Amino acid sequence: MRQALLDIRDVVTVFRSGNRVARAVDTASLRLEQGETLAVVGESGCGKTVLALSVMGLVPDPPGRVTEGEILYRGENLLGMEEEALRKVRGNHISMIFQEPMSSLNPVFQVGDQIAEAVALHQHASRRQAREKAVEMLKLVGIPNPDRRAKSYPHELSGGMRQRVMIAMALSCDPDVLIADEPTTALDVTIQAQILDLMDELKEKKGASVLLITHDLGVVARAARQAAVMYAGRIVERAGVRELFHEPLHPYTKGLLASVPTLGRKRELHPIRGAVPSIFDKPAGCEFHPRCPKAFERCKIERPPLYTLDNGRQTRCFLYEQ
């Protein structure tokens, strides 16, 4: 098997609260190939963002910490790096578009200066070169009048423009890996489509690979070729997007798809009952069993491993043990 660009192996990320320890990410493994878009999908609270922050080395410590596993970038374990070495990878080679532009952008600095700061820090560019690069990136992501908009403050921009600024900042140092955490949340469908088209276009131009974090199955269908379904900190299914949509295996994946309205087809929607458990109050056995229509006694006691089927599909469910 050839070396993956980003190889996440059995990563465990824990959070502490008093004497309690909870696994927000629980033995998660993913492979991101060169030029690929891999979607990680699941409801809010499933651990998707914590997994992304674990890759970036940005889990707040305390209360959180990555305690097990490896995160290999081009074969080198990021978890074993000193902080200074990790900073050179973060931003330069692996960048992240954060979920909430208004809280990620500094409200008291012009957006051009914020992009230029990232360029100056990672590329060792002069102030003038960094500013020129910032304007160039704003133009690249489709912001009109980039010279003027570079002097704008975040509150002077629309939600779609702020998201484009975040993409410009993430791509300003030509990273190999782009982690996009809910890049279209809170945007209307027209702007969502524009942002996804932009990410596709920039991926082709820059040759970057994308790890797409989302709860929106429409975004998965539109943007990714491979997908991993996450529930309560664990990867419960991995497959190509086409296979995942046409033949979901895990009951949780089936529940997600059954709760999505389909254009042109009249069918009753079936929402998944209950809610994702707190990381400090996970049930025994399979974490999904209290919400699962297929659960039986074994599911309440044992945690299922990740089974690999003959066709290469993977799922974490006792129904596929044979």
C-alpha atoms as a PDB file:
ATOM      1  CA  MET A   1       0.000   0.000   0.000  1.00  0.00           C
ATOM      2  CA  ARG A   2       1.445   3.365  -1.011  1.00  0.00           C
ATOM      3  CA  GLN A   3       2.083   6.046   1.577  1.00  0.00           C
ATOM      4  CA  ALA A   4      -0.904   8.314   2.241  1.00  0.00           C
ATOM      5  CA  LEU A   5      -0.410  12.073   2.322  1.00  0.00           C
ATOM      6  CA  LEU A   6      -2.135  12.163   5.726  1.00  0.00           C
ATOM      7  CA  ASP A   7      -2.511   8.941   7.701  1.00  0.00           C
ATOM      8  CA  ILE A   8      -4.470   9.062  10.964  1.00  0.00           C
ATOM      9  CA  ARG A   9      -3.937   5.862  12.945  1.00  0.00           C
ATOM     10  CA  ASP A  10      -5.993   4.863  16.001  1.00  0.00           C
ATOM     11  CA  VAL A  11      -6.034   8.381  17.437  1.00  0.00           C
ATOM     12  CA  VAL A  12      -7.528   8.892  20.885  1.00  0.00           C
ATOM     13  CA  THR A  13      -8.261  12.421  22.125  1.00  0.00           C
ATOM     14  CA  VAL A  14      -9.485  12.781  25.703  1.00  0.00           C
ATOM     15  CA  PHE A  15     -10.966  15.609  27.756  1.00  0.00           C
ATOM     16  CA  ARG A  16     -10.831  15.826  31.544  1.00  0.00           C
ATOM     17  CA  SER A  17     -13.428  17.337  33.856  1.00  0.00           C
ATOM     18  CA  GLY A  18     -12.536  16.915  37.517  1.00  0.00           C
ATOM     19  CA  ASN A  19     -11.940  13.208  38.033  1.00  0.00           C
ATOM     20  CA  ARG A  20     -13.746  12.223  34.847  1.00  0.00           C
ATOM     21  CA  VAL A  21     -11.980  11.420  31.578  1.00  0.00           C
ATOM     22  CA  ALA A  22     -13.904  11.203  28.297  1.00  0.00           C
ATOM     23  CA  ARG A  23     -12.837  10.091  24.821  1.00  0.00           C
ATOM     24  CA  ALA A  24     -13.999  12.702  22.327  1.00  0.00           C
ATOM     25  CA  VAL A  25     -12.122  10.852  19.558  1.00  0.00           C
ATOM     26  CA  ASP A  26     -11.866   7.108  20.095  1.00  0.00           C
ATOM     27  CA  THR A  27      -9.335   5.067  18.048  1.00  0.00           C
ATOM     28  CA  ALA A  28     -10.118   6.933  14.813  1.00  0.00           C
ATOM     29  CA  SER A  29      -8.227   5.954  11.644  1.00  0.00           C
ATOM     30  CA  LEU A  30      -8.379   7.690   8.244  1.00  0.00           C
ATOM     31  CA  ARG A  31      -6.203   7.895   5.108  1.00  0.00           C
ATOM     32  CA  LEU A  32      -6.160  10.982   2.890  1.00  0.00           C
ATOM     33  CA  GLU A  33      -4.559  10.425  -0.508  1.00  0.00           C
ATOM     34  CA  GLN A  34      -2.912  13.050  -2.731  1.00  0.00           C
ATOM     35  CA  GLY A  35      -5.520  15.141  -4.580  1.00  0.00           C
ATOM     36  CA  GLU A  36      -8.445  13.484  -2.781  1.00  0.00           C
ATOM     37  CA  THR A  37     -11.429  14.999  -0.961  1.00  0.00           C
ATOM     38  CA  LEU A  38     -12.393  12.875   2.051  1.00  0.00           C
ATOM     39  CA  ALA A  39     -15.552  13.807   3.960  1.00  0.00           C
ATOM     40  CA  VAL A  40     -16.051  13.091   7.662  1.00  0.00           C
ATOM     41  CA  VAL A  41     -19.778  13.210   8.329  1.00  0.00           C
ATOM     42  CA  GLY A  42     -22.001  12.927  11.401  1.00  0.00           C
ATOM     43  CA  GLU A  43     -24.290  14.876  13.702  1.00  0.00           C
ATOM     44  CA  SER A  44     -23.042  17.731  15.865  1.00  0.00           C
ATOM     45  CA  GLY A  45     -21.209  16.367  18.899  1.00  0.00           C
ATOM     46  CA  CYS A  46     -19.819  13.284  17.127  1.00  0.00           C
ATOM     47  CA  GLY A  47     -16.180  14.392  17.453  1.00  0.00           C
ATOM     48  CA  LYS A  48     -15.521  15.601  13.896  1.00  0.00           C
ATOM     49  CA  THR A  49     -14.094  19.001  14.845  1.00  0.00           C
ATOM     50  CA  VAL A  50     -12.018  17.535  17.687  1.00  0.00           C
ATOM     51  CA  LEU A  51     -10.494  15.108  15.161  1.00  0.00           C
ATOM     52  CA  ALA A  52      -9.589  18.062  12.899  1.00  0.00           C
ATOM     53  CA  LEU A  53      -8.087  19.993  15.829  1.00  0.00           C
ATOM     54  CA  SER A  54      -6.114  16.877  16.808  1.00  0.00           C
ATOM     55  CA  VAL A  55      -4.527  16.812  13.345  1.00  0.00           C
ATOM     56  CA  MET A  56      -3.665  20.513  13.610  1.00  0.00           C
ATOM     57  CA  GLY A  57      -2.253  20.171  17.125  1.00  0.00           C
ATOM     58  CA  LEU A  58      -4.800  22.699  18.383  1.00  0.00           C
ATOM     59  CA  VAL A  59      -6.686  20.687  21.015  1.00  0.00           C
ATOM     60  CA  PRO A  60      -6.775  22.990  24.083  1.00  0.00           C
ATOM     61  CA  ASP A  61      -4.564  21.504  26.828  1.00  0.00           C
ATOM     62  CA  PRO A  62      -5.990  21.514  29.451  1.00  0.00           C
ATOM     63  CA  PRO A  63      -8.630  20.076  29.354  1.00  0.00           C
ATOM     64  CA  GLY A  64      -7.934  18.036  26.187  1.00  0.00           C
ATOM     65  CA  ARG A  65      -5.004  15.967  24.928  1.00  0.00           C
ATOM     66  CA  VAL A  66      -4.206  13.408  22.237  1.00  0.00           C
ATOM     67  CA  THR A  67      -3.131  10.366  24.263  1.00  0.00           C
ATOM     68  CA  GLU A  68      -2.808   7.538  21.726  1.00  0.00           C
ATOM     69  CA  GLY A  69      -2.195   6.858  18.061  1.00  0.00           C
ATOM     70  CA  GLU A  70      -0.229   8.487  15.259  1.00  0.00           C
ATOM     71  CA  ILE A  71      -0.933  11.290  12.791  1.00  0.00           C
ATOM     72  CA  LEU A  72       1.480  10.856   9.897  1.00  0.00           C
ATOM     73  CA  TYR A  73       2.047  13.627   7.372  1.00  0.00           C
ATOM     74  CA  ARG A  74       4.186  12.300   4.499  1.00  0.00           C
ATOM     75  CA  GLY A  75       5.290   9.530   6.853  1.00  0.00           C
ATOM     76  CA  GLU A  76       6.331  11.803   9.738  1.00  0.00           C
ATOM     77  CA  ASN A  77       4.390  11.621  13.013  1.00  0.00           C
ATOM     78  CA  LEU A  78       3.026  15.063  13.894  1.00  0.00           C
ATOM     79  CA  LEU A  79       2.321  13.954  17.472  1.00  0.00           C
ATOM     80  CA  GLY A  80       6.031  13.394  18.060  1.00  0.00           C
ATOM     81  CA  MET A  81       7.101  16.847  16.871  1.00  0.00           C
ATOM     82  CA  GLU A  82       8.303  19.702  19.020  1.00  0.00           C
ATOM     83  CA  GLU A  83       5.967  22.701  19.001  1.00  0.00           C
ATOM     84  CA  GLU A  84       8.295  24.824  16.854  1.00  0.00           C
ATOM     85  CA  ALA A  85       8.569  22.103  14.184  1.00  0.00           C
ATOM     86  CA  LEU A  86       4.806  21.591  14.263  1.00  0.00           C
ATOM     87  CA  ARG A  87       4.242  25.328  13.665  1.00  0.00           C
ATOM     88  CA  LYS A  88       6.249  25.046  10.444  1.00  0.00           C
ATOM     89  CA  VAL A  89       3.916  22.288   9.221  1.00  0.00           C
ATOM     90  CA  ARG A  90       0.746  23.975  10.452  1.00  0.00           C
ATOM     91  CA  GLY A  91      -0.212  26.731   8.026  1.00  0.00           C
ATOM     92  CA  ASN A  92       2.598  25.948   5.600  1.00  0.00           C
ATOM     93  CA  HIS A  93       1.683  22.361   4.712  1.00  0.00           C
ATOM     94  CA  ILE A  94      -1.597  21.717   6.561  1.00  0.00           C
ATOM     95  CA  SER A  95      -4.140  24.538   6.851  1.00  0.00           C
ATOM     96  CA  MET A  96      -7.620  24.726   8.317  1.00  0.00           C
ATOM     97  CA  ILE A  97     -10.752  26.669   7.445  1.00  0.00           C
ATOM     98  CA  PHE A  98     -12.454  27.114  10.795  1.00  0.00           C
ATOM     99  CA  GLN A  99     -16.179  26.699  11.303  1.00  0.00           C
ATOM    100  CA  GLU A 100     -17.090  30.216  12.389  1.00  0.00           C
ATOM    101  CA  PRO A 101     -15.388  33.029  10.412  1.00  0.00           C
ATOM    102  CA  MET A 102     -16.630  35.783  12.734  1.00  0.00           C
ATOM    103  CA  SER A 103     -14.957  34.155  15.757  1.00  0.00           C
ATOM    104  CA  SER A 104     -11.837  33.118  13.805  1.00  0.00           C
ATOM    105  CA  LEU A 105     -11.114  36.508  12.232  1.00  0.00           C
ATOM    106  CA  ASN A 106      -9.832  39.284  14.500  1.00  0.00           C
ATOM    107  CA  PRO A 107     -12.487  42.039  14.515  1.00  0.00           C
ATOM    108  CA  VAL A 108      -9.988  44.893  15.030  1.00  0.00           C
ATOM    109  CA  PHE A 109      -7.672  44.146  12.083  1.00  0.00           C
ATOM    110  CA  GLN A 110      -8.272  44.515   8.370  1.00  0.00           C
ATOM    111  CA  VAL A 111      -8.714  41.188   6.592  1.00  0.00           C
ATOM    112  CA  GLY A 112      -5.794  41.890   4.245  1.00  0.00           C
ATOM    113  CA  ASP A 113      -3.478  42.388   7.214  1.00  0.00           C
ATOM    114  CA  GLN A 114      -4.655  39.099   8.740  1.00  0.00           C
ATOM    115  CA  ILE A 115      -3.871  37.161   5.555  1.00  0.00           C
ATOM    116  CA  ALA A 116      -0.557  39.006   5.185  1.00  0.00           C
ATOM    117  CA  GLU A 117       0.402  38.107   8.751  1.00  0.00           C
ATOM    118  CA  ALA A 118       0.021  34.384   7.950  1.00  0.00           C
ATOM    119  CA  VAL A 119       2.144  34.786   4.795  1.00  0.00           C
ATOM    120  CA  ALA A 120       4.864  36.739   6.610  1.00  0.00           C
ATOM    121  CA  LEU A 121       4.976  34.219   9.448  1.00  0.00           C
ATOM    122  CA  HIS A 122       5.172  31.043   7.371  1.00  0.00           C
ATOM    123  CA  GLN A 123       6.784  32.224   4.129  1.00  0.00           C
ATOM    124  CA  HIS A 124       9.240  34.736   5.666  1.00  0.00           C
ATOM    125  CA  ALA A 125       8.041  37.361   3.190  1.00  0.00           C
ATOM    126  CA  SER A 126       8.583  41.096   3.576  1.00  0.00           C
ATOM    127  CA  ARG A 127       5.642  43.239   4.671  1.00  0.00           C
ATOM    128  CA  ARG A 128       5.100  44.472   1.121  1.00  0.00           C
ATOM    129  CA  GLN A 129       5.330  40.989  -0.400  1.00  0.00           C
ATOM    130  CA  ALA A 130       2.913  39.622   2.189  1.00  0.00           C
ATOM    131  CA  ARG A 131       0.411  42.393   1.482  1.00  0.00           C
ATOM    132  CA  GLU A 132       0.622  41.790  -2.264  1.00  0.00           C
ATOM    133  CA  LYS A 133       0.081  38.078  -1.682  1.00  0.00           C
ATOM    134  CA  ALA A 134      -2.976  38.850   0.466  1.00  0.00           C
ATOM    135  CA  VAL A 135      -4.563  40.918  -2.311  1.00  0.00           C
ATOM    136  CA  GLU A 136      -3.685  38.209  -4.840  1.00  0.00           C
ATOM    137  CA  MET A 137      -5.387  35.559  -2.670  1.00  0.00           C
ATOM    138  CA  LEU A 138      -8.529  37.688  -2.227  1.00  0.00           C
ATOM    139  CA  LYS A 139      -8.701  37.982  -6.007  1.00  0.00           C
ATOM    140  CA  LEU A 140      -8.154  34.234  -6.382  1.00  0.00           C
ATOM    141  CA  VAL A 141     -11.127  33.390  -4.147  1.00  0.00           C
ATOM    142  CA  GLY A 142     -13.405  35.654  -6.166  1.00  0.00           C
ATOM    143  CA  ILE A 143     -13.732  38.728  -3.957  1.00  0.00           C
ATOM    144  CA  PRO A 144     -14.418  41.798  -6.144  1.00  0.00           C
ATOM    145  CA  ASN A 145     -12.183  44.874  -5.768  1.00  0.00           C
ATOM    146  CA  PRO A 146      -9.600  42.928  -3.734  1.00  0.00           C
ATOM    147  CA  ASP A 147      -7.402  46.005  -3.150  1.00  0.00           C
ATOM    148  CA  ARG A 148     -10.292  47.808  -1.476  1.00  0.00           C
ATOM    149  CA  ARG A 149     -11.677  44.744   0.305  1.00  0.00           C
ATOM    150  CA  ALA A 150      -8.263  44.012   1.821  1.00  0.00           C
ATOM    151  CA  LYS A 151      -8.769  47.172   3.882  1.00  0.00           C
ATOM    152  CA  SER A 152     -12.176  46.013   5.178  1.00  0.00           C
ATOM    153  CA  TYR A 153     -12.826  44.749   8.688  1.00  0.00           C
ATOM    154  CA  PRO A 154     -14.633  41.393   9.169  1.00  0.00           C
ATOM    155  CA  HIS A 155     -17.924  43.015  10.242  1.00  0.00           C
ATOM    156  CA  GLU A 156     -18.020  44.968   6.965  1.00  0.00           C
ATOM    157  CA  LEU A 157     -18.196  41.757   4.907  1.00  0.00           C
ATOM    158  CA  SER A 158     -21.073  39.376   4.252  1.00  0.00           C
ATOM    159  CA  GLY A 159     -21.002  35.799   5.584  1.00  0.00           C
ATOM    160  CA  GLY A 160     -20.025  34.445   2.164  1.00  0.00           C
ATOM    161  CA  MET A 161     -17.191  36.977   1.820  1.00  0.00           C
ATOM    162  CA  ARG A 162     -15.879  36.191   5.313  1.00  0.00           C
ATOM    163  CA  GLN A 163     -15.810  32.512   4.394  1.00  0.00           C
ATOM    164  CA  ARG A 164     -13.855  33.369   1.230  1.00  0.00           C
ATOM    165  CA  VAL A 165     -11.385  35.342   3.351  1.00  0.00           C
ATOM    166  CA  MET A 166     -10.916  32.269   5.549  1.00  0.00           C
ATOM    167  CA  ILE A 167     -10.266  30.143   2.455  1.00  0.00           C
ATOM    168  CA  ALA A 168      -7.825  32.761   1.131  1.00  0.00           C
ATOM    169  CA  MET A 169      -5.957  32.731   4.447  1.00  0.00           C
ATOM    170  CA  ALA A 170      -5.859  28.917   4.561  1.00  0.00           C
ATOM    171  CA  LEU A 171      -4.520  28.690   0.997  1.00  0.00           C
ATOM    172  CA  SER A 172      -2.113  31.621   1.180  1.00  0.00           C
ATOM    173  CA  CYS A 173       0.893  29.376   1.915  1.00  0.00           C
ATOM    174  CA  ASP A 174       0.017  26.711  -0.699  1.00  0.00           C
ATOM    175  CA  PRO A 175      -0.686  23.826   1.730  1.00  0.00           C
ATOM    176  CA  ASP A 176      -0.793  20.166   0.678  1.00  0.00           C
ATOM    177  CA  VAL A 177      -3.704  19.443   3.034  1.00  0.00           C
ATOM    178  CA  LEU A 178      -6.716  21.679   3.566  1.00  0.00           C
ATOM    179  CA  ILE A 179      -9.015  20.844   6.490  1.00  0.00           C
ATOM    180  CA  ALA A 180     -12.413  22.480   5.957  1.00  0.00           C
ATOM    181  CA  ASP A 181     -14.576  22.419   9.096  1.00  0.00           C
ATOM    182  CA  GLU A 182     -18.221  22.996   8.099  1.00  0.00           C
ATOM    183  CA  PRO A 183     -17.189  25.516   5.406  1.00  0.00           C
ATOM    184  CA  THR A 184     -20.789  26.156   4.259  1.00  0.00           C
ATOM    185  CA  THR A 185     -22.618  26.298   7.599  1.00  0.00           C
ATOM    186  CA  ALA A 186     -25.004  29.270   7.987  1.00  0.00           C
ATOM    187  CA  LEU A 187     -24.657  30.233   4.309  1.00  0.00           C
ATOM    188  CA  ASP A 188     -27.618  30.225   1.927  1.00  0.00           C
ATOM    189  CA  VAL A 189     -27.683  27.513  -0.751  1.00  0.00           C
ATOM    190  CA  THR A 190     -26.466  29.797  -3.548  1.00  0.00           C
ATOM    191  CA  ILE A 191     -23.402  30.883  -1.562  1.00  0.00           C
ATOM    192  CA  GLN A 192     -22.864  27.261  -0.427  1.00  0.00           C
ATOM    193  CA  ALA A 193     -22.631  26.173  -4.065  1.00  0.00           C
ATOM    194  CA  GLN A 194     -20.209  29.015  -4.837  1.00  0.00           C
ATOM    195  CA  ILE A 195     -17.952  28.081  -1.891  1.00  0.00           C
ATOM    196  CA  LEU A 196     -17.911  24.389  -2.878  1.00  0.00           C
ATOM    197  CA  ASP A 197     -17.182  25.284  -6.525  1.00  0.00           C
ATOM    198  CA  LEU A 198     -14.378  27.554  -5.326  1.00  0.00           C
ATOM    199  CA  MET A 199     -12.838  24.813  -3.176  1.00  0.00           C
ATOM    200  CA  ASP A 200     -12.969  22.403  -6.132  1.00  0.00           C
ATOM    201  CA  GLU A 201     -11.353  24.946  -8.430  1.00  0.00           C
ATOM    202  CA  LEU A 202      -8.611  25.821  -5.955  1.00  0.00           C
ATOM    203  CA  LYS A 203      -7.973  22.144  -5.208  1.00  0.00           C
ATOM    204  CA  GLU A 204      -7.307  21.612  -8.905  1.00  0.00           C
ATOM    205  CA  LYS A 205      -5.109  24.717  -9.199  1.00  0.00           C
ATOM    206  CA  LYS A 206      -3.110  24.107  -6.035  1.00  0.00           C
ATOM    207  CA  GLY A 207      -3.119  20.301  -6.102  1.00  0.00           C
ATOM    208  CA  ALA A 208      -4.243  20.179  -2.479  1.00  0.00           C
ATOM    209  CA  SER A 209      -6.042  17.352  -0.687  1.00  0.00           C
ATOM    210  CA  VAL A 210      -9.141  18.218   1.339  1.00  0.00           C
ATOM    211  CA  LEU A 211     -10.415  16.765   4.611  1.00  0.00           C
ATOM    212  CA  LEU A 212     -14.007  17.989   4.676  1.00  0.00           C
ATOM    213  CA  ILE A 213     -15.796  18.039   8.037  1.00  0.00           C
ATOM    214  CA  THR A 214     -19.584  18.330   7.690  1.00  0.00           C
ATOM    215  CA  HIS A 215     -22.985  17.199   8.927  1.00  0.00           C
ATOM    216  CA  ASP A 216     -24.577  17.993   5.554  1.00  0.00           C
ATOM    217  CA  LEU A 217     -24.980  14.927   3.334  1.00  0.00           C
ATOM    218  CA  GLY A 218     -25.746  17.184   0.366  1.00  0.00           C
ATOM    219  CA  VAL A 219     -22.290  18.721   0.722  1.00  0.00           C
ATOM    220  CA  VAL A 220     -20.771  15.226   0.927  1.00  0.00           C
ATOM    221  CA  ALA A 221     -22.520  14.156  -2.286  1.00  0.00           C
ATOM    222  CA  ARG A 222     -21.411  17.337  -4.052  1.00  0.00           C
ATOM    223  CA  ALA A 223     -17.804  17.625  -2.912  1.00  0.00           C
ATOM    224  CA  ALA A 224     -16.268  14.269  -1.895  1.00  0.00           C
ATOM    225  CA  ARG A 225     -15.422  10.898  -3.409  1.00  0.00           C
ATOM    226  CA  GLN A 226     -14.635   9.105  -0.146  1.00  0.00           C
ATOM    227  CA  ALA A 227     -16.468   9.405   3.169  1.00  0.00           C
ATOM    228  CA  ALA A 228     -16.166   8.313   6.776  1.00  0.00           C
ATOM    229  CA  VAL A 229     -19.191   8.352   9.082  1.00  0.00           C
ATOM    230  CA  MET A 230     -18.439   9.287  12.698  1.00  0.00           C
ATOM    231  CA  TYR A 231     -20.571   8.684  15.783  1.00  0.00           C
ATOM    232  CA  ALA A 232     -19.692   9.352  19.441  1.00  0.00           C
ATOM    233  CA  GLY A 233     -16.005   9.733  18.598  1.00  0.00           C
ATOM    234  CA  ARG A 234     -15.681   6.535  16.541  1.00  0.00           C
ATOM    235  CA  ILE A 235     -15.564   5.909  12.800  1.00  0.00           C
ATOM    236  CA  VAL A 236     -18.551   3.599  12.182  1.00  0.00           C
ATOM    237  CA  GLU A 237     -18.375   3.303   8.389  1.00  0.00           C
ATOM    238  CA  ARG A 238     -15.937   4.054   5.567  1.00  0.00           C
ATOM    239  CA  ALA A 239     -16.781   3.866   1.867  1.00  0.00           C
ATOM    240  CA  GLY A 240     -16.817   5.633  -1.457  1.00  0.00           C
ATOM    241  CA  VAL A 241     -19.530   8.297  -1.513  1.00  0.00           C
ATOM    242  CA  ARG A 242     -21.458   6.568  -4.308  1.00  0.00           C
ATOM    243  CA  GLU A 243     -21.509   3.253  -2.402  1.00  0.00           C
ATOM    244  CA  LEU A 244     -22.381   5.001   0.865  1.00  0.00           C
ATOM    245  CA  PHE A 245     -25.449   6.687  -0.635  1.00  0.00           C
ATOM    246  CA  HIS A 246     -26.676   3.710  -2.647  1.00  0.00           C
ATOM    247  CA  GLU A 247     -25.986   0.958  -0.108  1.00  0.00           C
ATOM    248  CA  PRO A 248     -25.348   2.239   3.435  1.00  0.00           C
ATOM    249  CA  LEU A 249     -24.296  -0.501   5.852  1.00  0.00           C
ATOM    250  CA  HIS A 250     -24.285   0.836   9.406  1.00  0.00           C
ATOM    251  CA  PRO A 251     -27.715   1.544  10.980  1.00  0.00           C
ATOM    252  CA  TYR A 252     -26.517   5.051  11.851  1.00  0.00           C
ATOM    253  CA  THR A 253     -25.618   5.794   8.219  1.00  0.00           C
ATOM    254  CA  LYS A 254     -29.004   4.423   7.131  1.00  0.00           C
ATOM    255  CA  GLY A 255     -30.676   6.681   9.693  1.00  0.00           C
ATOM    256  CA  LEU A 256     -28.818   9.766   8.454  1.00  0.00           C
ATOM    257  CA  LEU A 257     -29.852   9.091   4.852  1.00  0.00           C
ATOM    258  CA  ALA A 258     -33.459   8.286   5.806  1.00  0.00           C
ATOM    259  CA  SER A 259     -33.790  11.677   7.501  1.00  0.00           C
ATOM    260  CA  VAL A 260     -32.785  13.678   4.406  1.00  0.00           C
ATOM    261  CA  PRO A 261     -35.527  14.949   2.055  1.00  0.00           C
ATOM    262  CA  THR A 262     -35.099  13.927  -1.589  1.00  0.00           C
ATOM    263  CA  LEU A 263     -36.085  16.205  -4.459  1.00  0.00           C
ATOM    264  CA  GLY A 264     -38.776  14.726  -6.723  1.00  0.00           C
ATOM    265  CA  ARG A 265     -39.442  11.651  -4.558  1.00  0.00           C
ATOM    266  CA  LYS A 266     -42.372  11.447  -2.196  1.00  0.00           C
ATOM    267  CA  ARG A 267     -41.325   9.442   0.825  1.00  0.00           C
ATOM    268  CA  GLU A 268     -41.792   9.728   4.542  1.00  0.00           C
ATOM    269  CA  LEU A 269     -38.811  11.063   6.479  1.00  0.00           C
ATOM    270  CA  HIS A 270     -37.623   8.976   9.428  1.00  0.00           C
ATOM    271  CA  PRO A 271     -35.513  11.002  11.879  1.00  0.00           C
ATOM    272  CA  ILE A 272     -33.148   9.133  14.196  1.00  0.00           C
ATOM    273  CA  ARG A 273     -34.698   8.993  17.640  1.00  0.00           C
ATOM    274  CA  GLY A 274     -32.838  10.438  20.614  1.00  0.00           C
ATOM    275  CA  ALA A 275     -29.580  12.401  20.512  1.00  0.00           C
ATOM    276  CA  VAL A 276     -25.818  11.889  20.409  1.00  0.00           C
ATOM    277  CA  PRO A 277     -24.659  10.994  23.947  1.00  0.00           C
ATOM    278  CA  SER A 278     -22.398  13.272  25.948  1.00  0.00           C
ATOM    279  CA  ILE A 279     -18.757  12.223  25.759  1.00  0.00           C
ATOM    280  CA  PHE A 280     -18.876  11.920  29.575  1.00  0.00           C
ATOM    281  CA  ASP A 281     -21.954   9.692  29.499  1.00  0.00           C
ATOM    282  CA  LYS A 282     -21.532   7.164  26.695  1.00  0.00           C
ATOM    283  CA  PRO A 283     -23.565   3.960  26.965  1.00  0.00           C
ATOM    284  CA  ALA A 284     -21.901   0.585  27.465  1.00  0.00           C
ATOM    285  CA  GLY A 285     -21.429  -1.601  24.407  1.00  0.00           C
ATOM    286  CA  CYS A 286     -22.084  -0.040  21.016  1.00  0.00           C
ATOM    287  CA  GLU A 287     -22.526   3.707  21.510  1.00  0.00           C
ATOM    288  CA  PHE A 288     -25.382   3.770  18.981  1.00  0.00           C
ATOM    289  CA  HIS A 289     -27.464   0.936  20.473  1.00  0.00           C
ATOM    290  CA  PRO A 290     -29.939   3.146  22.464  1.00  0.00           C
ATOM    291  CA  ARG A 291     -30.996   4.776  19.149  1.00  0.00           C
ATOM    292  CA  CYS A 292     -30.603   1.747  16.879  1.00  0.00           C
ATOM    293  CA  PRO A 293     -33.655  -0.115  15.492  1.00  0.00           C
ATOM    294  CA  LYS A 294     -31.473  -3.200  14.837  1.00  0.00           C
ATOM    295  CA  ALA A 295     -29.892  -3.446  18.309  1.00  0.00           C
ATOM    296  CA  PHE A 296     -29.902  -6.761  20.193  1.00  0.00           C
ATOM    297  CA  GLU A 297     -28.542  -7.881  23.563  1.00  0.00           C
ATOM    298  CA  ARG A 298     -24.913  -8.185  22.472  1.00  0.00           C
ATOM    299  CA  CYS A 299     -24.911  -4.550  21.325  1.00  0.00           C
ATOM    300  CA  LYS A 300     -25.638  -3.431  24.903  1.00  0.00           C
ATOM    301  CA  ILE A 301     -22.580  -5.228  26.290  1.00  0.00           C
ATOM    302  CA  GLU A 302     -19.810  -5.376  23.671  1.00  0.00           C
ATOM    303  CA  ARG A 303     -18.241  -2.695  21.488  1.00  0.00           C
ATOM    304  CA  PRO A 304     -18.137  -3.865  17.862  1.00  0.00           C
ATOM    305  CA  PRO A 305     -14.806  -3.761  16.012  1.00  0.00           C
ATOM    306  CA  LEU A 306     -14.451  -2.263  12.541  1.00  0.00           C
ATOM    307  CA  TYR A 307     -15.227  -5.103  10.132  1.00  0.00           C
ATOM    308  CA  THR A 308     -13.748  -5.130   6.623  1.00  0.00           C
ATOM    309  CA  LEU A 309     -16.030  -6.783   4.074  1.00  0.00           C
ATOM    310  CA  ASP A 310     -14.987  -8.725   0.967  1.00  0.00           C
ATOM    311  CA  ASN A 311     -15.633  -5.666  -1.220  1.00  0.00           C
ATOM    312  CA  GLY A 312     -13.339  -3.516   0.920  1.00  0.00           C
ATOM    313  CA  ARG A 313     -16.158  -1.648   2.674  1.00  0.00           C
ATOM    314  CA  GLN A 314     -15.727  -1.112   6.418  1.00  0.00           C
ATOM    315  CA  THR A 315     -18.371  -0.853   9.112  1.00  0.00           C
ATOM    316  CA  ARG A 316     -18.531  -1.093  12.901  1.00  0.00           C
ATOM    317  CA  CYS A 317     -21.610  -3.302  13.436  1.00  0.00           C
ATOM    318  CA  PHE A 318     -22.169  -6.884  14.628  1.00  0.00           C
ATOM    319  CA  LEU A 319     -24.654  -7.416  11.770  1.00  0.00           C
ATOM    320  CA  TYR A 320     -21.629  -7.767   9.453  1.00  0.00           C
ATOM    321  CA  GLU A 321     -19.540 -10.094  11.623  1.00  0.00           C
ATOM    322  CA  GLN A 322     -19.896 -12.972   9.126  1.00  0.00           C
END
